[in-house]
Amino acid sequence: MQQQLVQLQELTGQSQRRLSELRTQLEARGAQIETAAPLPGDTSAGTASSGASVASADQMYEASIAQFRRGSAATARLGLRELLRVHPTSERAPDALYFVGQSFSAENPDSAIVYYEQVVSQHPTSPRAASALYNLGLLAERRKDTATAKAAFQRVVQKYSQSNEAALARDRLEALGR
């Protein structure tokens, strides 16, 4: 048991060091982009800088999700929140918000709700929106708030009728007695 605890602490330390390295790399790239002034009439600089931003957001996302899959929700959450801070308009933003919600789902449902609601309100056309809304229903059901759960499931069915979550929401509505 003690050895497992030591191994877990080592893995957490490695994860935190890797996130710190990624953060440093991102800051260095950001500084390079800011100092690289485009020449008059040169339109390639804008394309290069936006490509670097997307790559950096992707790197942060992939590193964070790897931590999430390893069971290190807190470390994943740190990385995803940093992604949202550095790249708030990235294509990865809805995914990052969703997985921050997922990381809170078991231990702190109120925080999960906040992030799921952000996915639904800020990114309603994202593939994650249907999942976030469905999860809001599940969390309400877990709190024994049947009215809120039904409302969330009904919204999934209405707004995202072709999604897998809509079929699941119909099942939950059936179980709750519509």
C-alpha atoms as a PDB file:
ATOM      1  CA  MET A   1       0.000   0.000   0.000  1.00  0.00           C
ATOM      2  CA  GLN A   2       2.813   2.400   0.932  1.00  0.00           C
ATOM      3  CA  GLN A   3       4.665   1.557  -2.293  1.00  0.00           C
ATOM      4  CA  GLN A   4       1.534   2.273  -4.349  1.00  0.00           C
ATOM      5  CA  LEU A   5       1.168   5.626  -2.616  1.00  0.00           C
ATOM      6  CA  VAL A   6       4.776   6.496  -3.417  1.00  0.00           C
ATOM      7  CA  GLN A   7       4.259   5.479  -7.067  1.00  0.00           C
ATOM      8  CA  LEU A   8       1.112   7.581  -7.252  1.00  0.00           C
ATOM      9  CA  GLN A   9       2.950  10.581  -5.818  1.00  0.00           C
ATOM     10  CA  GLU A  10       5.744  10.099  -8.354  1.00  0.00           C
ATOM     11  CA  LEU A  11       3.239   9.961 -11.231  1.00  0.00           C
ATOM     12  CA  THR A  12       1.501  13.074  -9.967  1.00  0.00           C
ATOM     13  CA  GLY A  13       4.834  14.862  -9.736  1.00  0.00           C
ATOM     14  CA  GLN A  14       5.720  13.791 -13.273  1.00  0.00           C
ATOM     15  CA  SER A  15       2.355  15.021 -14.520  1.00  0.00           C
ATOM     16  CA  GLN A  16       2.772  18.367 -12.833  1.00  0.00           C
ATOM     17  CA  ARG A  17       6.282  18.737 -14.239  1.00  0.00           C
ATOM     18  CA  ARG A  18       5.002  17.923 -17.743  1.00  0.00           C
ATOM     19  CA  LEU A  19       2.206  20.494 -17.427  1.00  0.00           C
ATOM     20  CA  SER A  20       4.748  23.035 -16.245  1.00  0.00           C
ATOM     21  CA  GLU A  21       6.972  22.233 -19.239  1.00  0.00           C
ATOM     22  CA  LEU A  22       4.022  22.621 -21.618  1.00  0.00           C
ATOM     23  CA  ARG A  23       3.068  25.912 -19.991  1.00  0.00           C
ATOM     24  CA  THR A  24       6.643  27.186 -20.388  1.00  0.00           C
ATOM     25  CA  GLN A  25       6.700  26.096 -24.036  1.00  0.00           C
ATOM     26  CA  LEU A  26       3.390  27.837 -24.650  1.00  0.00           C
ATOM     27  CA  GLU A  27       4.598  31.044 -23.074  1.00  0.00           C
ATOM     28  CA  ALA A  28       7.787  30.908 -25.151  1.00  0.00           C
ATOM     29  CA  ARG A  29       5.809  30.353 -28.343  1.00  0.00           C
ATOM     30  CA  GLY A  30       3.465  33.167 -27.439  1.00  0.00           C
ATOM     31  CA  ALA A  31       6.417  35.483 -26.907  1.00  0.00           C
ATOM     32  CA  GLN A  32       7.889  34.441 -30.267  1.00  0.00           C
ATOM     33  CA  ILE A  33       4.603  35.117 -32.021  1.00  0.00           C
ATOM     34  CA  GLU A  34       4.194  38.507 -30.367  1.00  0.00           C
ATOM     35  CA  THR A  35       7.720  39.616 -31.261  1.00  0.00           C
ATOM     36  CA  ALA A  36       7.557  38.393 -34.854  1.00  0.00           C
ATOM     37  CA  ALA A  37       6.224  41.469 -36.620  1.00  0.00           C
ATOM     38  CA  PRO A  38       4.875  40.727 -40.104  1.00  0.00           C
ATOM     39  CA  LEU A  39       6.398  42.535 -43.057  1.00  0.00           C
ATOM     40  CA  PRO A  40       4.137  44.950 -44.945  1.00  0.00           C
ATOM     41  CA  GLY A  41       1.961  42.970 -47.338  1.00  0.00           C
ATOM     42  CA  ASP A  42       2.960  39.646 -45.759  1.00  0.00           C
ATOM     43  CA  THR A  43      -0.183  37.686 -44.905  1.00  0.00           C
ATOM     44  CA  SER A  44       1.550  34.422 -44.043  1.00  0.00           C
ATOM     45  CA  ALA A  45       2.420  35.528 -40.483  1.00  0.00           C
ATOM     46  CA  GLY A  46      -1.226  35.531 -39.420  1.00  0.00           C
ATOM     47  CA  THR A  47      -1.715  32.034 -40.737  1.00  0.00           C
ATOM     48  CA  ALA A  48       1.400  30.739 -39.028  1.00  0.00           C
ATOM     49  CA  SER A  49       0.503  32.229 -35.661  1.00  0.00           C
ATOM     50  CA  SER A  50      -3.039  30.880 -35.707  1.00  0.00           C
ATOM     51  CA  GLY A  51      -1.674  27.460 -36.669  1.00  0.00           C
ATOM     52  CA  ALA A  52       0.728  27.575 -33.730  1.00  0.00           C
ATOM     53  CA  SER A  53      -2.128  28.462 -31.372  1.00  0.00           C
ATOM     54  CA  VAL A  54      -4.239  25.547 -32.526  1.00  0.00           C
ATOM     55  CA  ALA A  55      -1.294  23.157 -32.222  1.00  0.00           C
ATOM     56  CA  SER A  56      -0.593  24.390 -28.708  1.00  0.00           C
ATOM     57  CA  ALA A  57      -4.230  24.003 -27.693  1.00  0.00           C
ATOM     58  CA  ASP A  58      -4.209  20.503 -29.157  1.00  0.00           C
ATOM     59  CA  GLN A  59      -1.050  19.618 -27.237  1.00  0.00           C
ATOM     60  CA  MET A  60      -2.505  20.899 -23.989  1.00  0.00           C
ATOM     61  CA  TYR A  61      -5.761  19.062 -24.607  1.00  0.00           C
ATOM     62  CA  GLU A  62      -4.097  15.748 -25.472  1.00  0.00           C
ATOM     63  CA  ALA A  63      -1.779  15.916 -22.442  1.00  0.00           C
ATOM     64  CA  SER A  64      -4.700  16.716 -20.152  1.00  0.00           C
ATOM     65  CA  ILE A  65      -6.944  13.986 -21.548  1.00  0.00           C
ATOM     66  CA  ALA A  66      -4.114  11.483 -21.150  1.00  0.00           C
ATOM     67  CA  GLN A  67      -4.041  12.414 -17.455  1.00  0.00           C
ATOM     68  CA  PHE A  68      -7.824  12.108 -17.245  1.00  0.00           C
ATOM     69  CA  ARG A  69      -7.705   8.608 -18.765  1.00  0.00           C
ATOM     70  CA  ARG A  70      -5.005   7.604 -16.272  1.00  0.00           C
ATOM     71  CA  GLY A  71      -7.365   8.569 -13.476  1.00  0.00           C
ATOM     72  CA  SER A  72      -5.624  11.793 -12.523  1.00  0.00           C
ATOM     73  CA  ALA A  73      -8.688  14.031 -12.669  1.00  0.00           C
ATOM     74  CA  ALA A  74      -7.144  16.891 -10.695  1.00  0.00           C
ATOM     75  CA  THR A  75      -4.082  17.081 -12.949  1.00  0.00           C
ATOM     76  CA  ALA A  76      -6.265  16.858 -16.058  1.00  0.00           C
ATOM     77  CA  ARG A  77      -8.461  19.624 -14.691  1.00  0.00           C
ATOM     78  CA  LEU A  78      -5.426  21.891 -14.196  1.00  0.00           C
ATOM     79  CA  GLY A  79      -4.319  21.365 -17.780  1.00  0.00           C
ATOM     80  CA  LEU A  80      -7.796  21.859 -19.222  1.00  0.00           C
ATOM     81  CA  ARG A  81      -8.351  25.038 -17.239  1.00  0.00           C
ATOM     82  CA  GLU A  82      -5.000  26.333 -18.446  1.00  0.00           C
ATOM     83  CA  LEU A  83      -6.034  25.550 -22.019  1.00  0.00           C
ATOM     84  CA  LEU A  84      -9.223  27.558 -21.488  1.00  0.00           C
ATOM     85  CA  ARG A  85      -7.236  30.439 -20.023  1.00  0.00           C
ATOM     86  CA  VAL A  86      -4.634  30.545 -22.796  1.00  0.00           C
ATOM     87  CA  HIS A  87      -6.895  29.563 -25.715  1.00  0.00           C
ATOM     88  CA  PRO A  88     -10.470  30.522 -24.777  1.00  0.00           C
ATOM     89  CA  THR A  89     -11.647  30.531 -28.405  1.00  0.00           C
ATOM     90  CA  SER A  90      -9.917  27.322 -29.456  1.00  0.00           C
ATOM     91  CA  GLU A  91     -11.856  24.571 -31.199  1.00  0.00           C
ATOM     92  CA  ARG A  92     -10.922  22.494 -28.145  1.00  0.00           C
ATOM     93  CA  ALA A  93     -12.730  24.837 -25.716  1.00  0.00           C
ATOM     94  CA  PRO A  94     -16.046  22.907 -25.668  1.00  0.00           C
ATOM     95  CA  ASP A  95     -14.175  19.635 -25.143  1.00  0.00           C
ATOM     96  CA  ALA A  96     -12.073  21.176 -22.379  1.00  0.00           C
ATOM     97  CA  LEU A  97     -15.159  22.557 -20.609  1.00  0.00           C
ATOM     98  CA  TYR A  98     -16.900  19.204 -20.940  1.00  0.00           C
ATOM     99  CA  PHE A  99     -14.007  17.222 -19.487  1.00  0.00           C
ATOM    100  CA  VAL A 100     -13.527  19.671 -16.617  1.00  0.00           C
ATOM    101  CA  GLY A 101     -17.191  18.942 -15.863  1.00  0.00           C
ATOM    102  CA  GLN A 102     -16.510  15.212 -16.145  1.00  0.00           C
ATOM    103  CA  SER A 103     -13.572  15.516 -13.769  1.00  0.00           C
ATOM    104  CA  PHE A 104     -15.860  17.078 -11.157  1.00  0.00           C
ATOM    105  CA  SER A 105     -18.876  14.857 -11.781  1.00  0.00           C
ATOM    106  CA  ALA A 106     -18.333  12.318  -9.011  1.00  0.00           C
ATOM    107  CA  GLU A 107     -16.663  14.404  -6.303  1.00  0.00           C
ATOM    108  CA  ASN A 108     -18.230  17.833  -6.798  1.00  0.00           C
ATOM    109  CA  PRO A 109     -21.452  17.719  -8.852  1.00  0.00           C
ATOM    110  CA  ASP A 110     -22.172  21.426  -8.330  1.00  0.00           C
ATOM    111  CA  SER A 111     -18.921  22.338 -10.077  1.00  0.00           C
ATOM    112  CA  ALA A 112     -19.648  19.816 -12.826  1.00  0.00           C
ATOM    113  CA  ILE A 113     -23.001  21.516 -13.410  1.00  0.00           C
ATOM    114  CA  VAL A 114     -21.305  24.890 -13.900  1.00  0.00           C
ATOM    115  CA  TYR A 115     -19.015  23.512 -16.614  1.00  0.00           C
ATOM    116  CA  TYR A 116     -21.719  21.473 -18.348  1.00  0.00           C
ATOM    117  CA  GLU A 117     -23.945  24.559 -18.455  1.00  0.00           C
ATOM    118  CA  GLN A 118     -21.103  26.515 -20.055  1.00  0.00           C
ATOM    119  CA  VAL A 119     -20.789  23.902 -22.796  1.00  0.00           C
ATOM    120  CA  VAL A 120     -24.530  24.092 -23.509  1.00  0.00           C
ATOM    121  CA  SER A 121     -24.773  27.894 -23.393  1.00  0.00           C
ATOM    122  CA  GLN A 122     -21.477  28.880 -25.026  1.00  0.00           C
ATOM    123  CA  HIS A 123     -21.125  26.034 -27.540  1.00  0.00           C
ATOM    124  CA  PRO A 124     -24.651  24.815 -28.393  1.00  0.00           C
ATOM    125  CA  THR A 125     -23.579  23.441 -31.785  1.00  0.00           C
ATOM    126  CA  SER A 126     -20.640  21.468 -30.406  1.00  0.00           C
ATOM    127  CA  PRO A 127     -20.951  17.679 -30.382  1.00  0.00           C
ATOM    128  CA  ARG A 128     -20.292  17.922 -26.619  1.00  0.00           C
ATOM    129  CA  ALA A 129     -23.427  20.020 -25.997  1.00  0.00           C
ATOM    130  CA  ALA A 130     -25.816  17.062 -26.173  1.00  0.00           C
ATOM    131  CA  SER A 131     -23.617  15.065 -23.785  1.00  0.00           C
ATOM    132  CA  ALA A 132     -23.301  17.980 -21.384  1.00  0.00           C
ATOM    133  CA  LEU A 133     -27.063  18.541 -21.340  1.00  0.00           C
ATOM    134  CA  TYR A 134     -27.706  14.830 -20.827  1.00  0.00           C
ATOM    135  CA  ASN A 135     -25.203  14.813 -17.942  1.00  0.00           C
ATOM    136  CA  LEU A 136     -27.030  17.787 -16.409  1.00  0.00           C
ATOM    137  CA  GLY A 137     -30.143  15.623 -16.415  1.00  0.00           C
ATOM    138  CA  LEU A 138     -28.306  12.725 -14.802  1.00  0.00           C
ATOM    139  CA  LEU A 139     -26.888  14.979 -12.090  1.00  0.00           C
ATOM    140  CA  ALA A 140     -30.342  16.414 -11.383  1.00  0.00           C
ATOM    141  CA  GLU A 141     -31.749  12.897 -11.209  1.00  0.00           C
ATOM    142  CA  ARG A 142     -28.990  11.903  -8.794  1.00  0.00           C
ATOM    143  CA  ARG A 143     -29.995  14.855  -6.574  1.00  0.00           C
ATOM    144  CA  LYS A 144     -33.611  13.611  -6.723  1.00  0.00           C
ATOM    145  CA  ASP A 145     -34.617  16.766  -8.636  1.00  0.00           C
ATOM    146  CA  THR A 146     -36.958  15.005 -11.035  1.00  0.00           C
ATOM    147  CA  ALA A 147     -38.431  18.161 -12.575  1.00  0.00           C
ATOM    148  CA  THR A 148     -35.001  19.524 -13.537  1.00  0.00           C
ATOM    149  CA  ALA A 149     -33.884  16.108 -14.781  1.00  0.00           C
ATOM    150  CA  LYS A 150     -36.963  15.770 -16.990  1.00  0.00           C
ATOM    151  CA  ALA A 151     -36.497  19.293 -18.348  1.00  0.00           C
ATOM    152  CA  ALA A 152     -32.869  18.562 -19.263  1.00  0.00           C
ATOM    153  CA  PHE A 153     -33.747  15.248 -20.906  1.00  0.00           C
ATOM    154  CA  GLN A 154     -36.586  16.879 -22.852  1.00  0.00           C
ATOM    155  CA  ARG A 155     -34.202  19.582 -24.097  1.00  0.00           C
ATOM    156  CA  VAL A 156     -31.783  16.889 -25.281  1.00  0.00           C
ATOM    157  CA  VAL A 157     -34.587  15.184 -27.219  1.00  0.00           C
ATOM    158  CA  GLN A 158     -35.806  18.484 -28.707  1.00  0.00           C
ATOM    159  CA  LYS A 159     -32.489  20.186 -29.542  1.00  0.00           C
ATOM    160  CA  TYR A 160     -30.336  17.169 -30.352  1.00  0.00           C
ATOM    161  CA  SER A 161     -32.920  14.686 -31.645  1.00  0.00           C
ATOM    162  CA  GLN A 162     -30.452  12.827 -33.882  1.00  0.00           C
ATOM    163  CA  SER A 163     -27.796  12.353 -31.198  1.00  0.00           C
ATOM    164  CA  ASN A 164     -27.080   9.181 -29.249  1.00  0.00           C
ATOM    165  CA  GLU A 165     -27.847  11.173 -26.116  1.00  0.00           C
ATOM    166  CA  ALA A 166     -31.402  11.810 -27.363  1.00  0.00           C
ATOM    167  CA  ALA A 167     -32.074   8.065 -27.344  1.00  0.00           C
ATOM    168  CA  LEU A 168     -30.635   7.814 -23.842  1.00  0.00           C
ATOM    169  CA  ALA A 169     -32.686  10.828 -22.731  1.00  0.00           C
ATOM    170  CA  ARG A 170     -35.874   9.209 -24.066  1.00  0.00           C
ATOM    171  CA  ASP A 171     -35.074   6.133 -21.968  1.00  0.00           C
ATOM    172  CA  ARG A 172     -34.544   8.275 -18.866  1.00  0.00           C
ATOM    173  CA  LEU A 173     -37.804  10.154 -19.502  1.00  0.00           C
ATOM    174  CA  GLU A 174     -39.576   6.820 -19.820  1.00  0.00           C
ATOM    175  CA  ALA A 175     -38.052   5.641 -16.530  1.00  0.00           C
ATOM    176  CA  LEU A 176     -39.060   8.891 -14.829  1.00  0.00           C
ATOM    177  CA  GLY A 177     -42.617   8.595 -16.112  1.00  0.00           C
ATOM    178  CA  ARG A 178     -42.329  11.504 -18.561  1.00  0.00           C
END
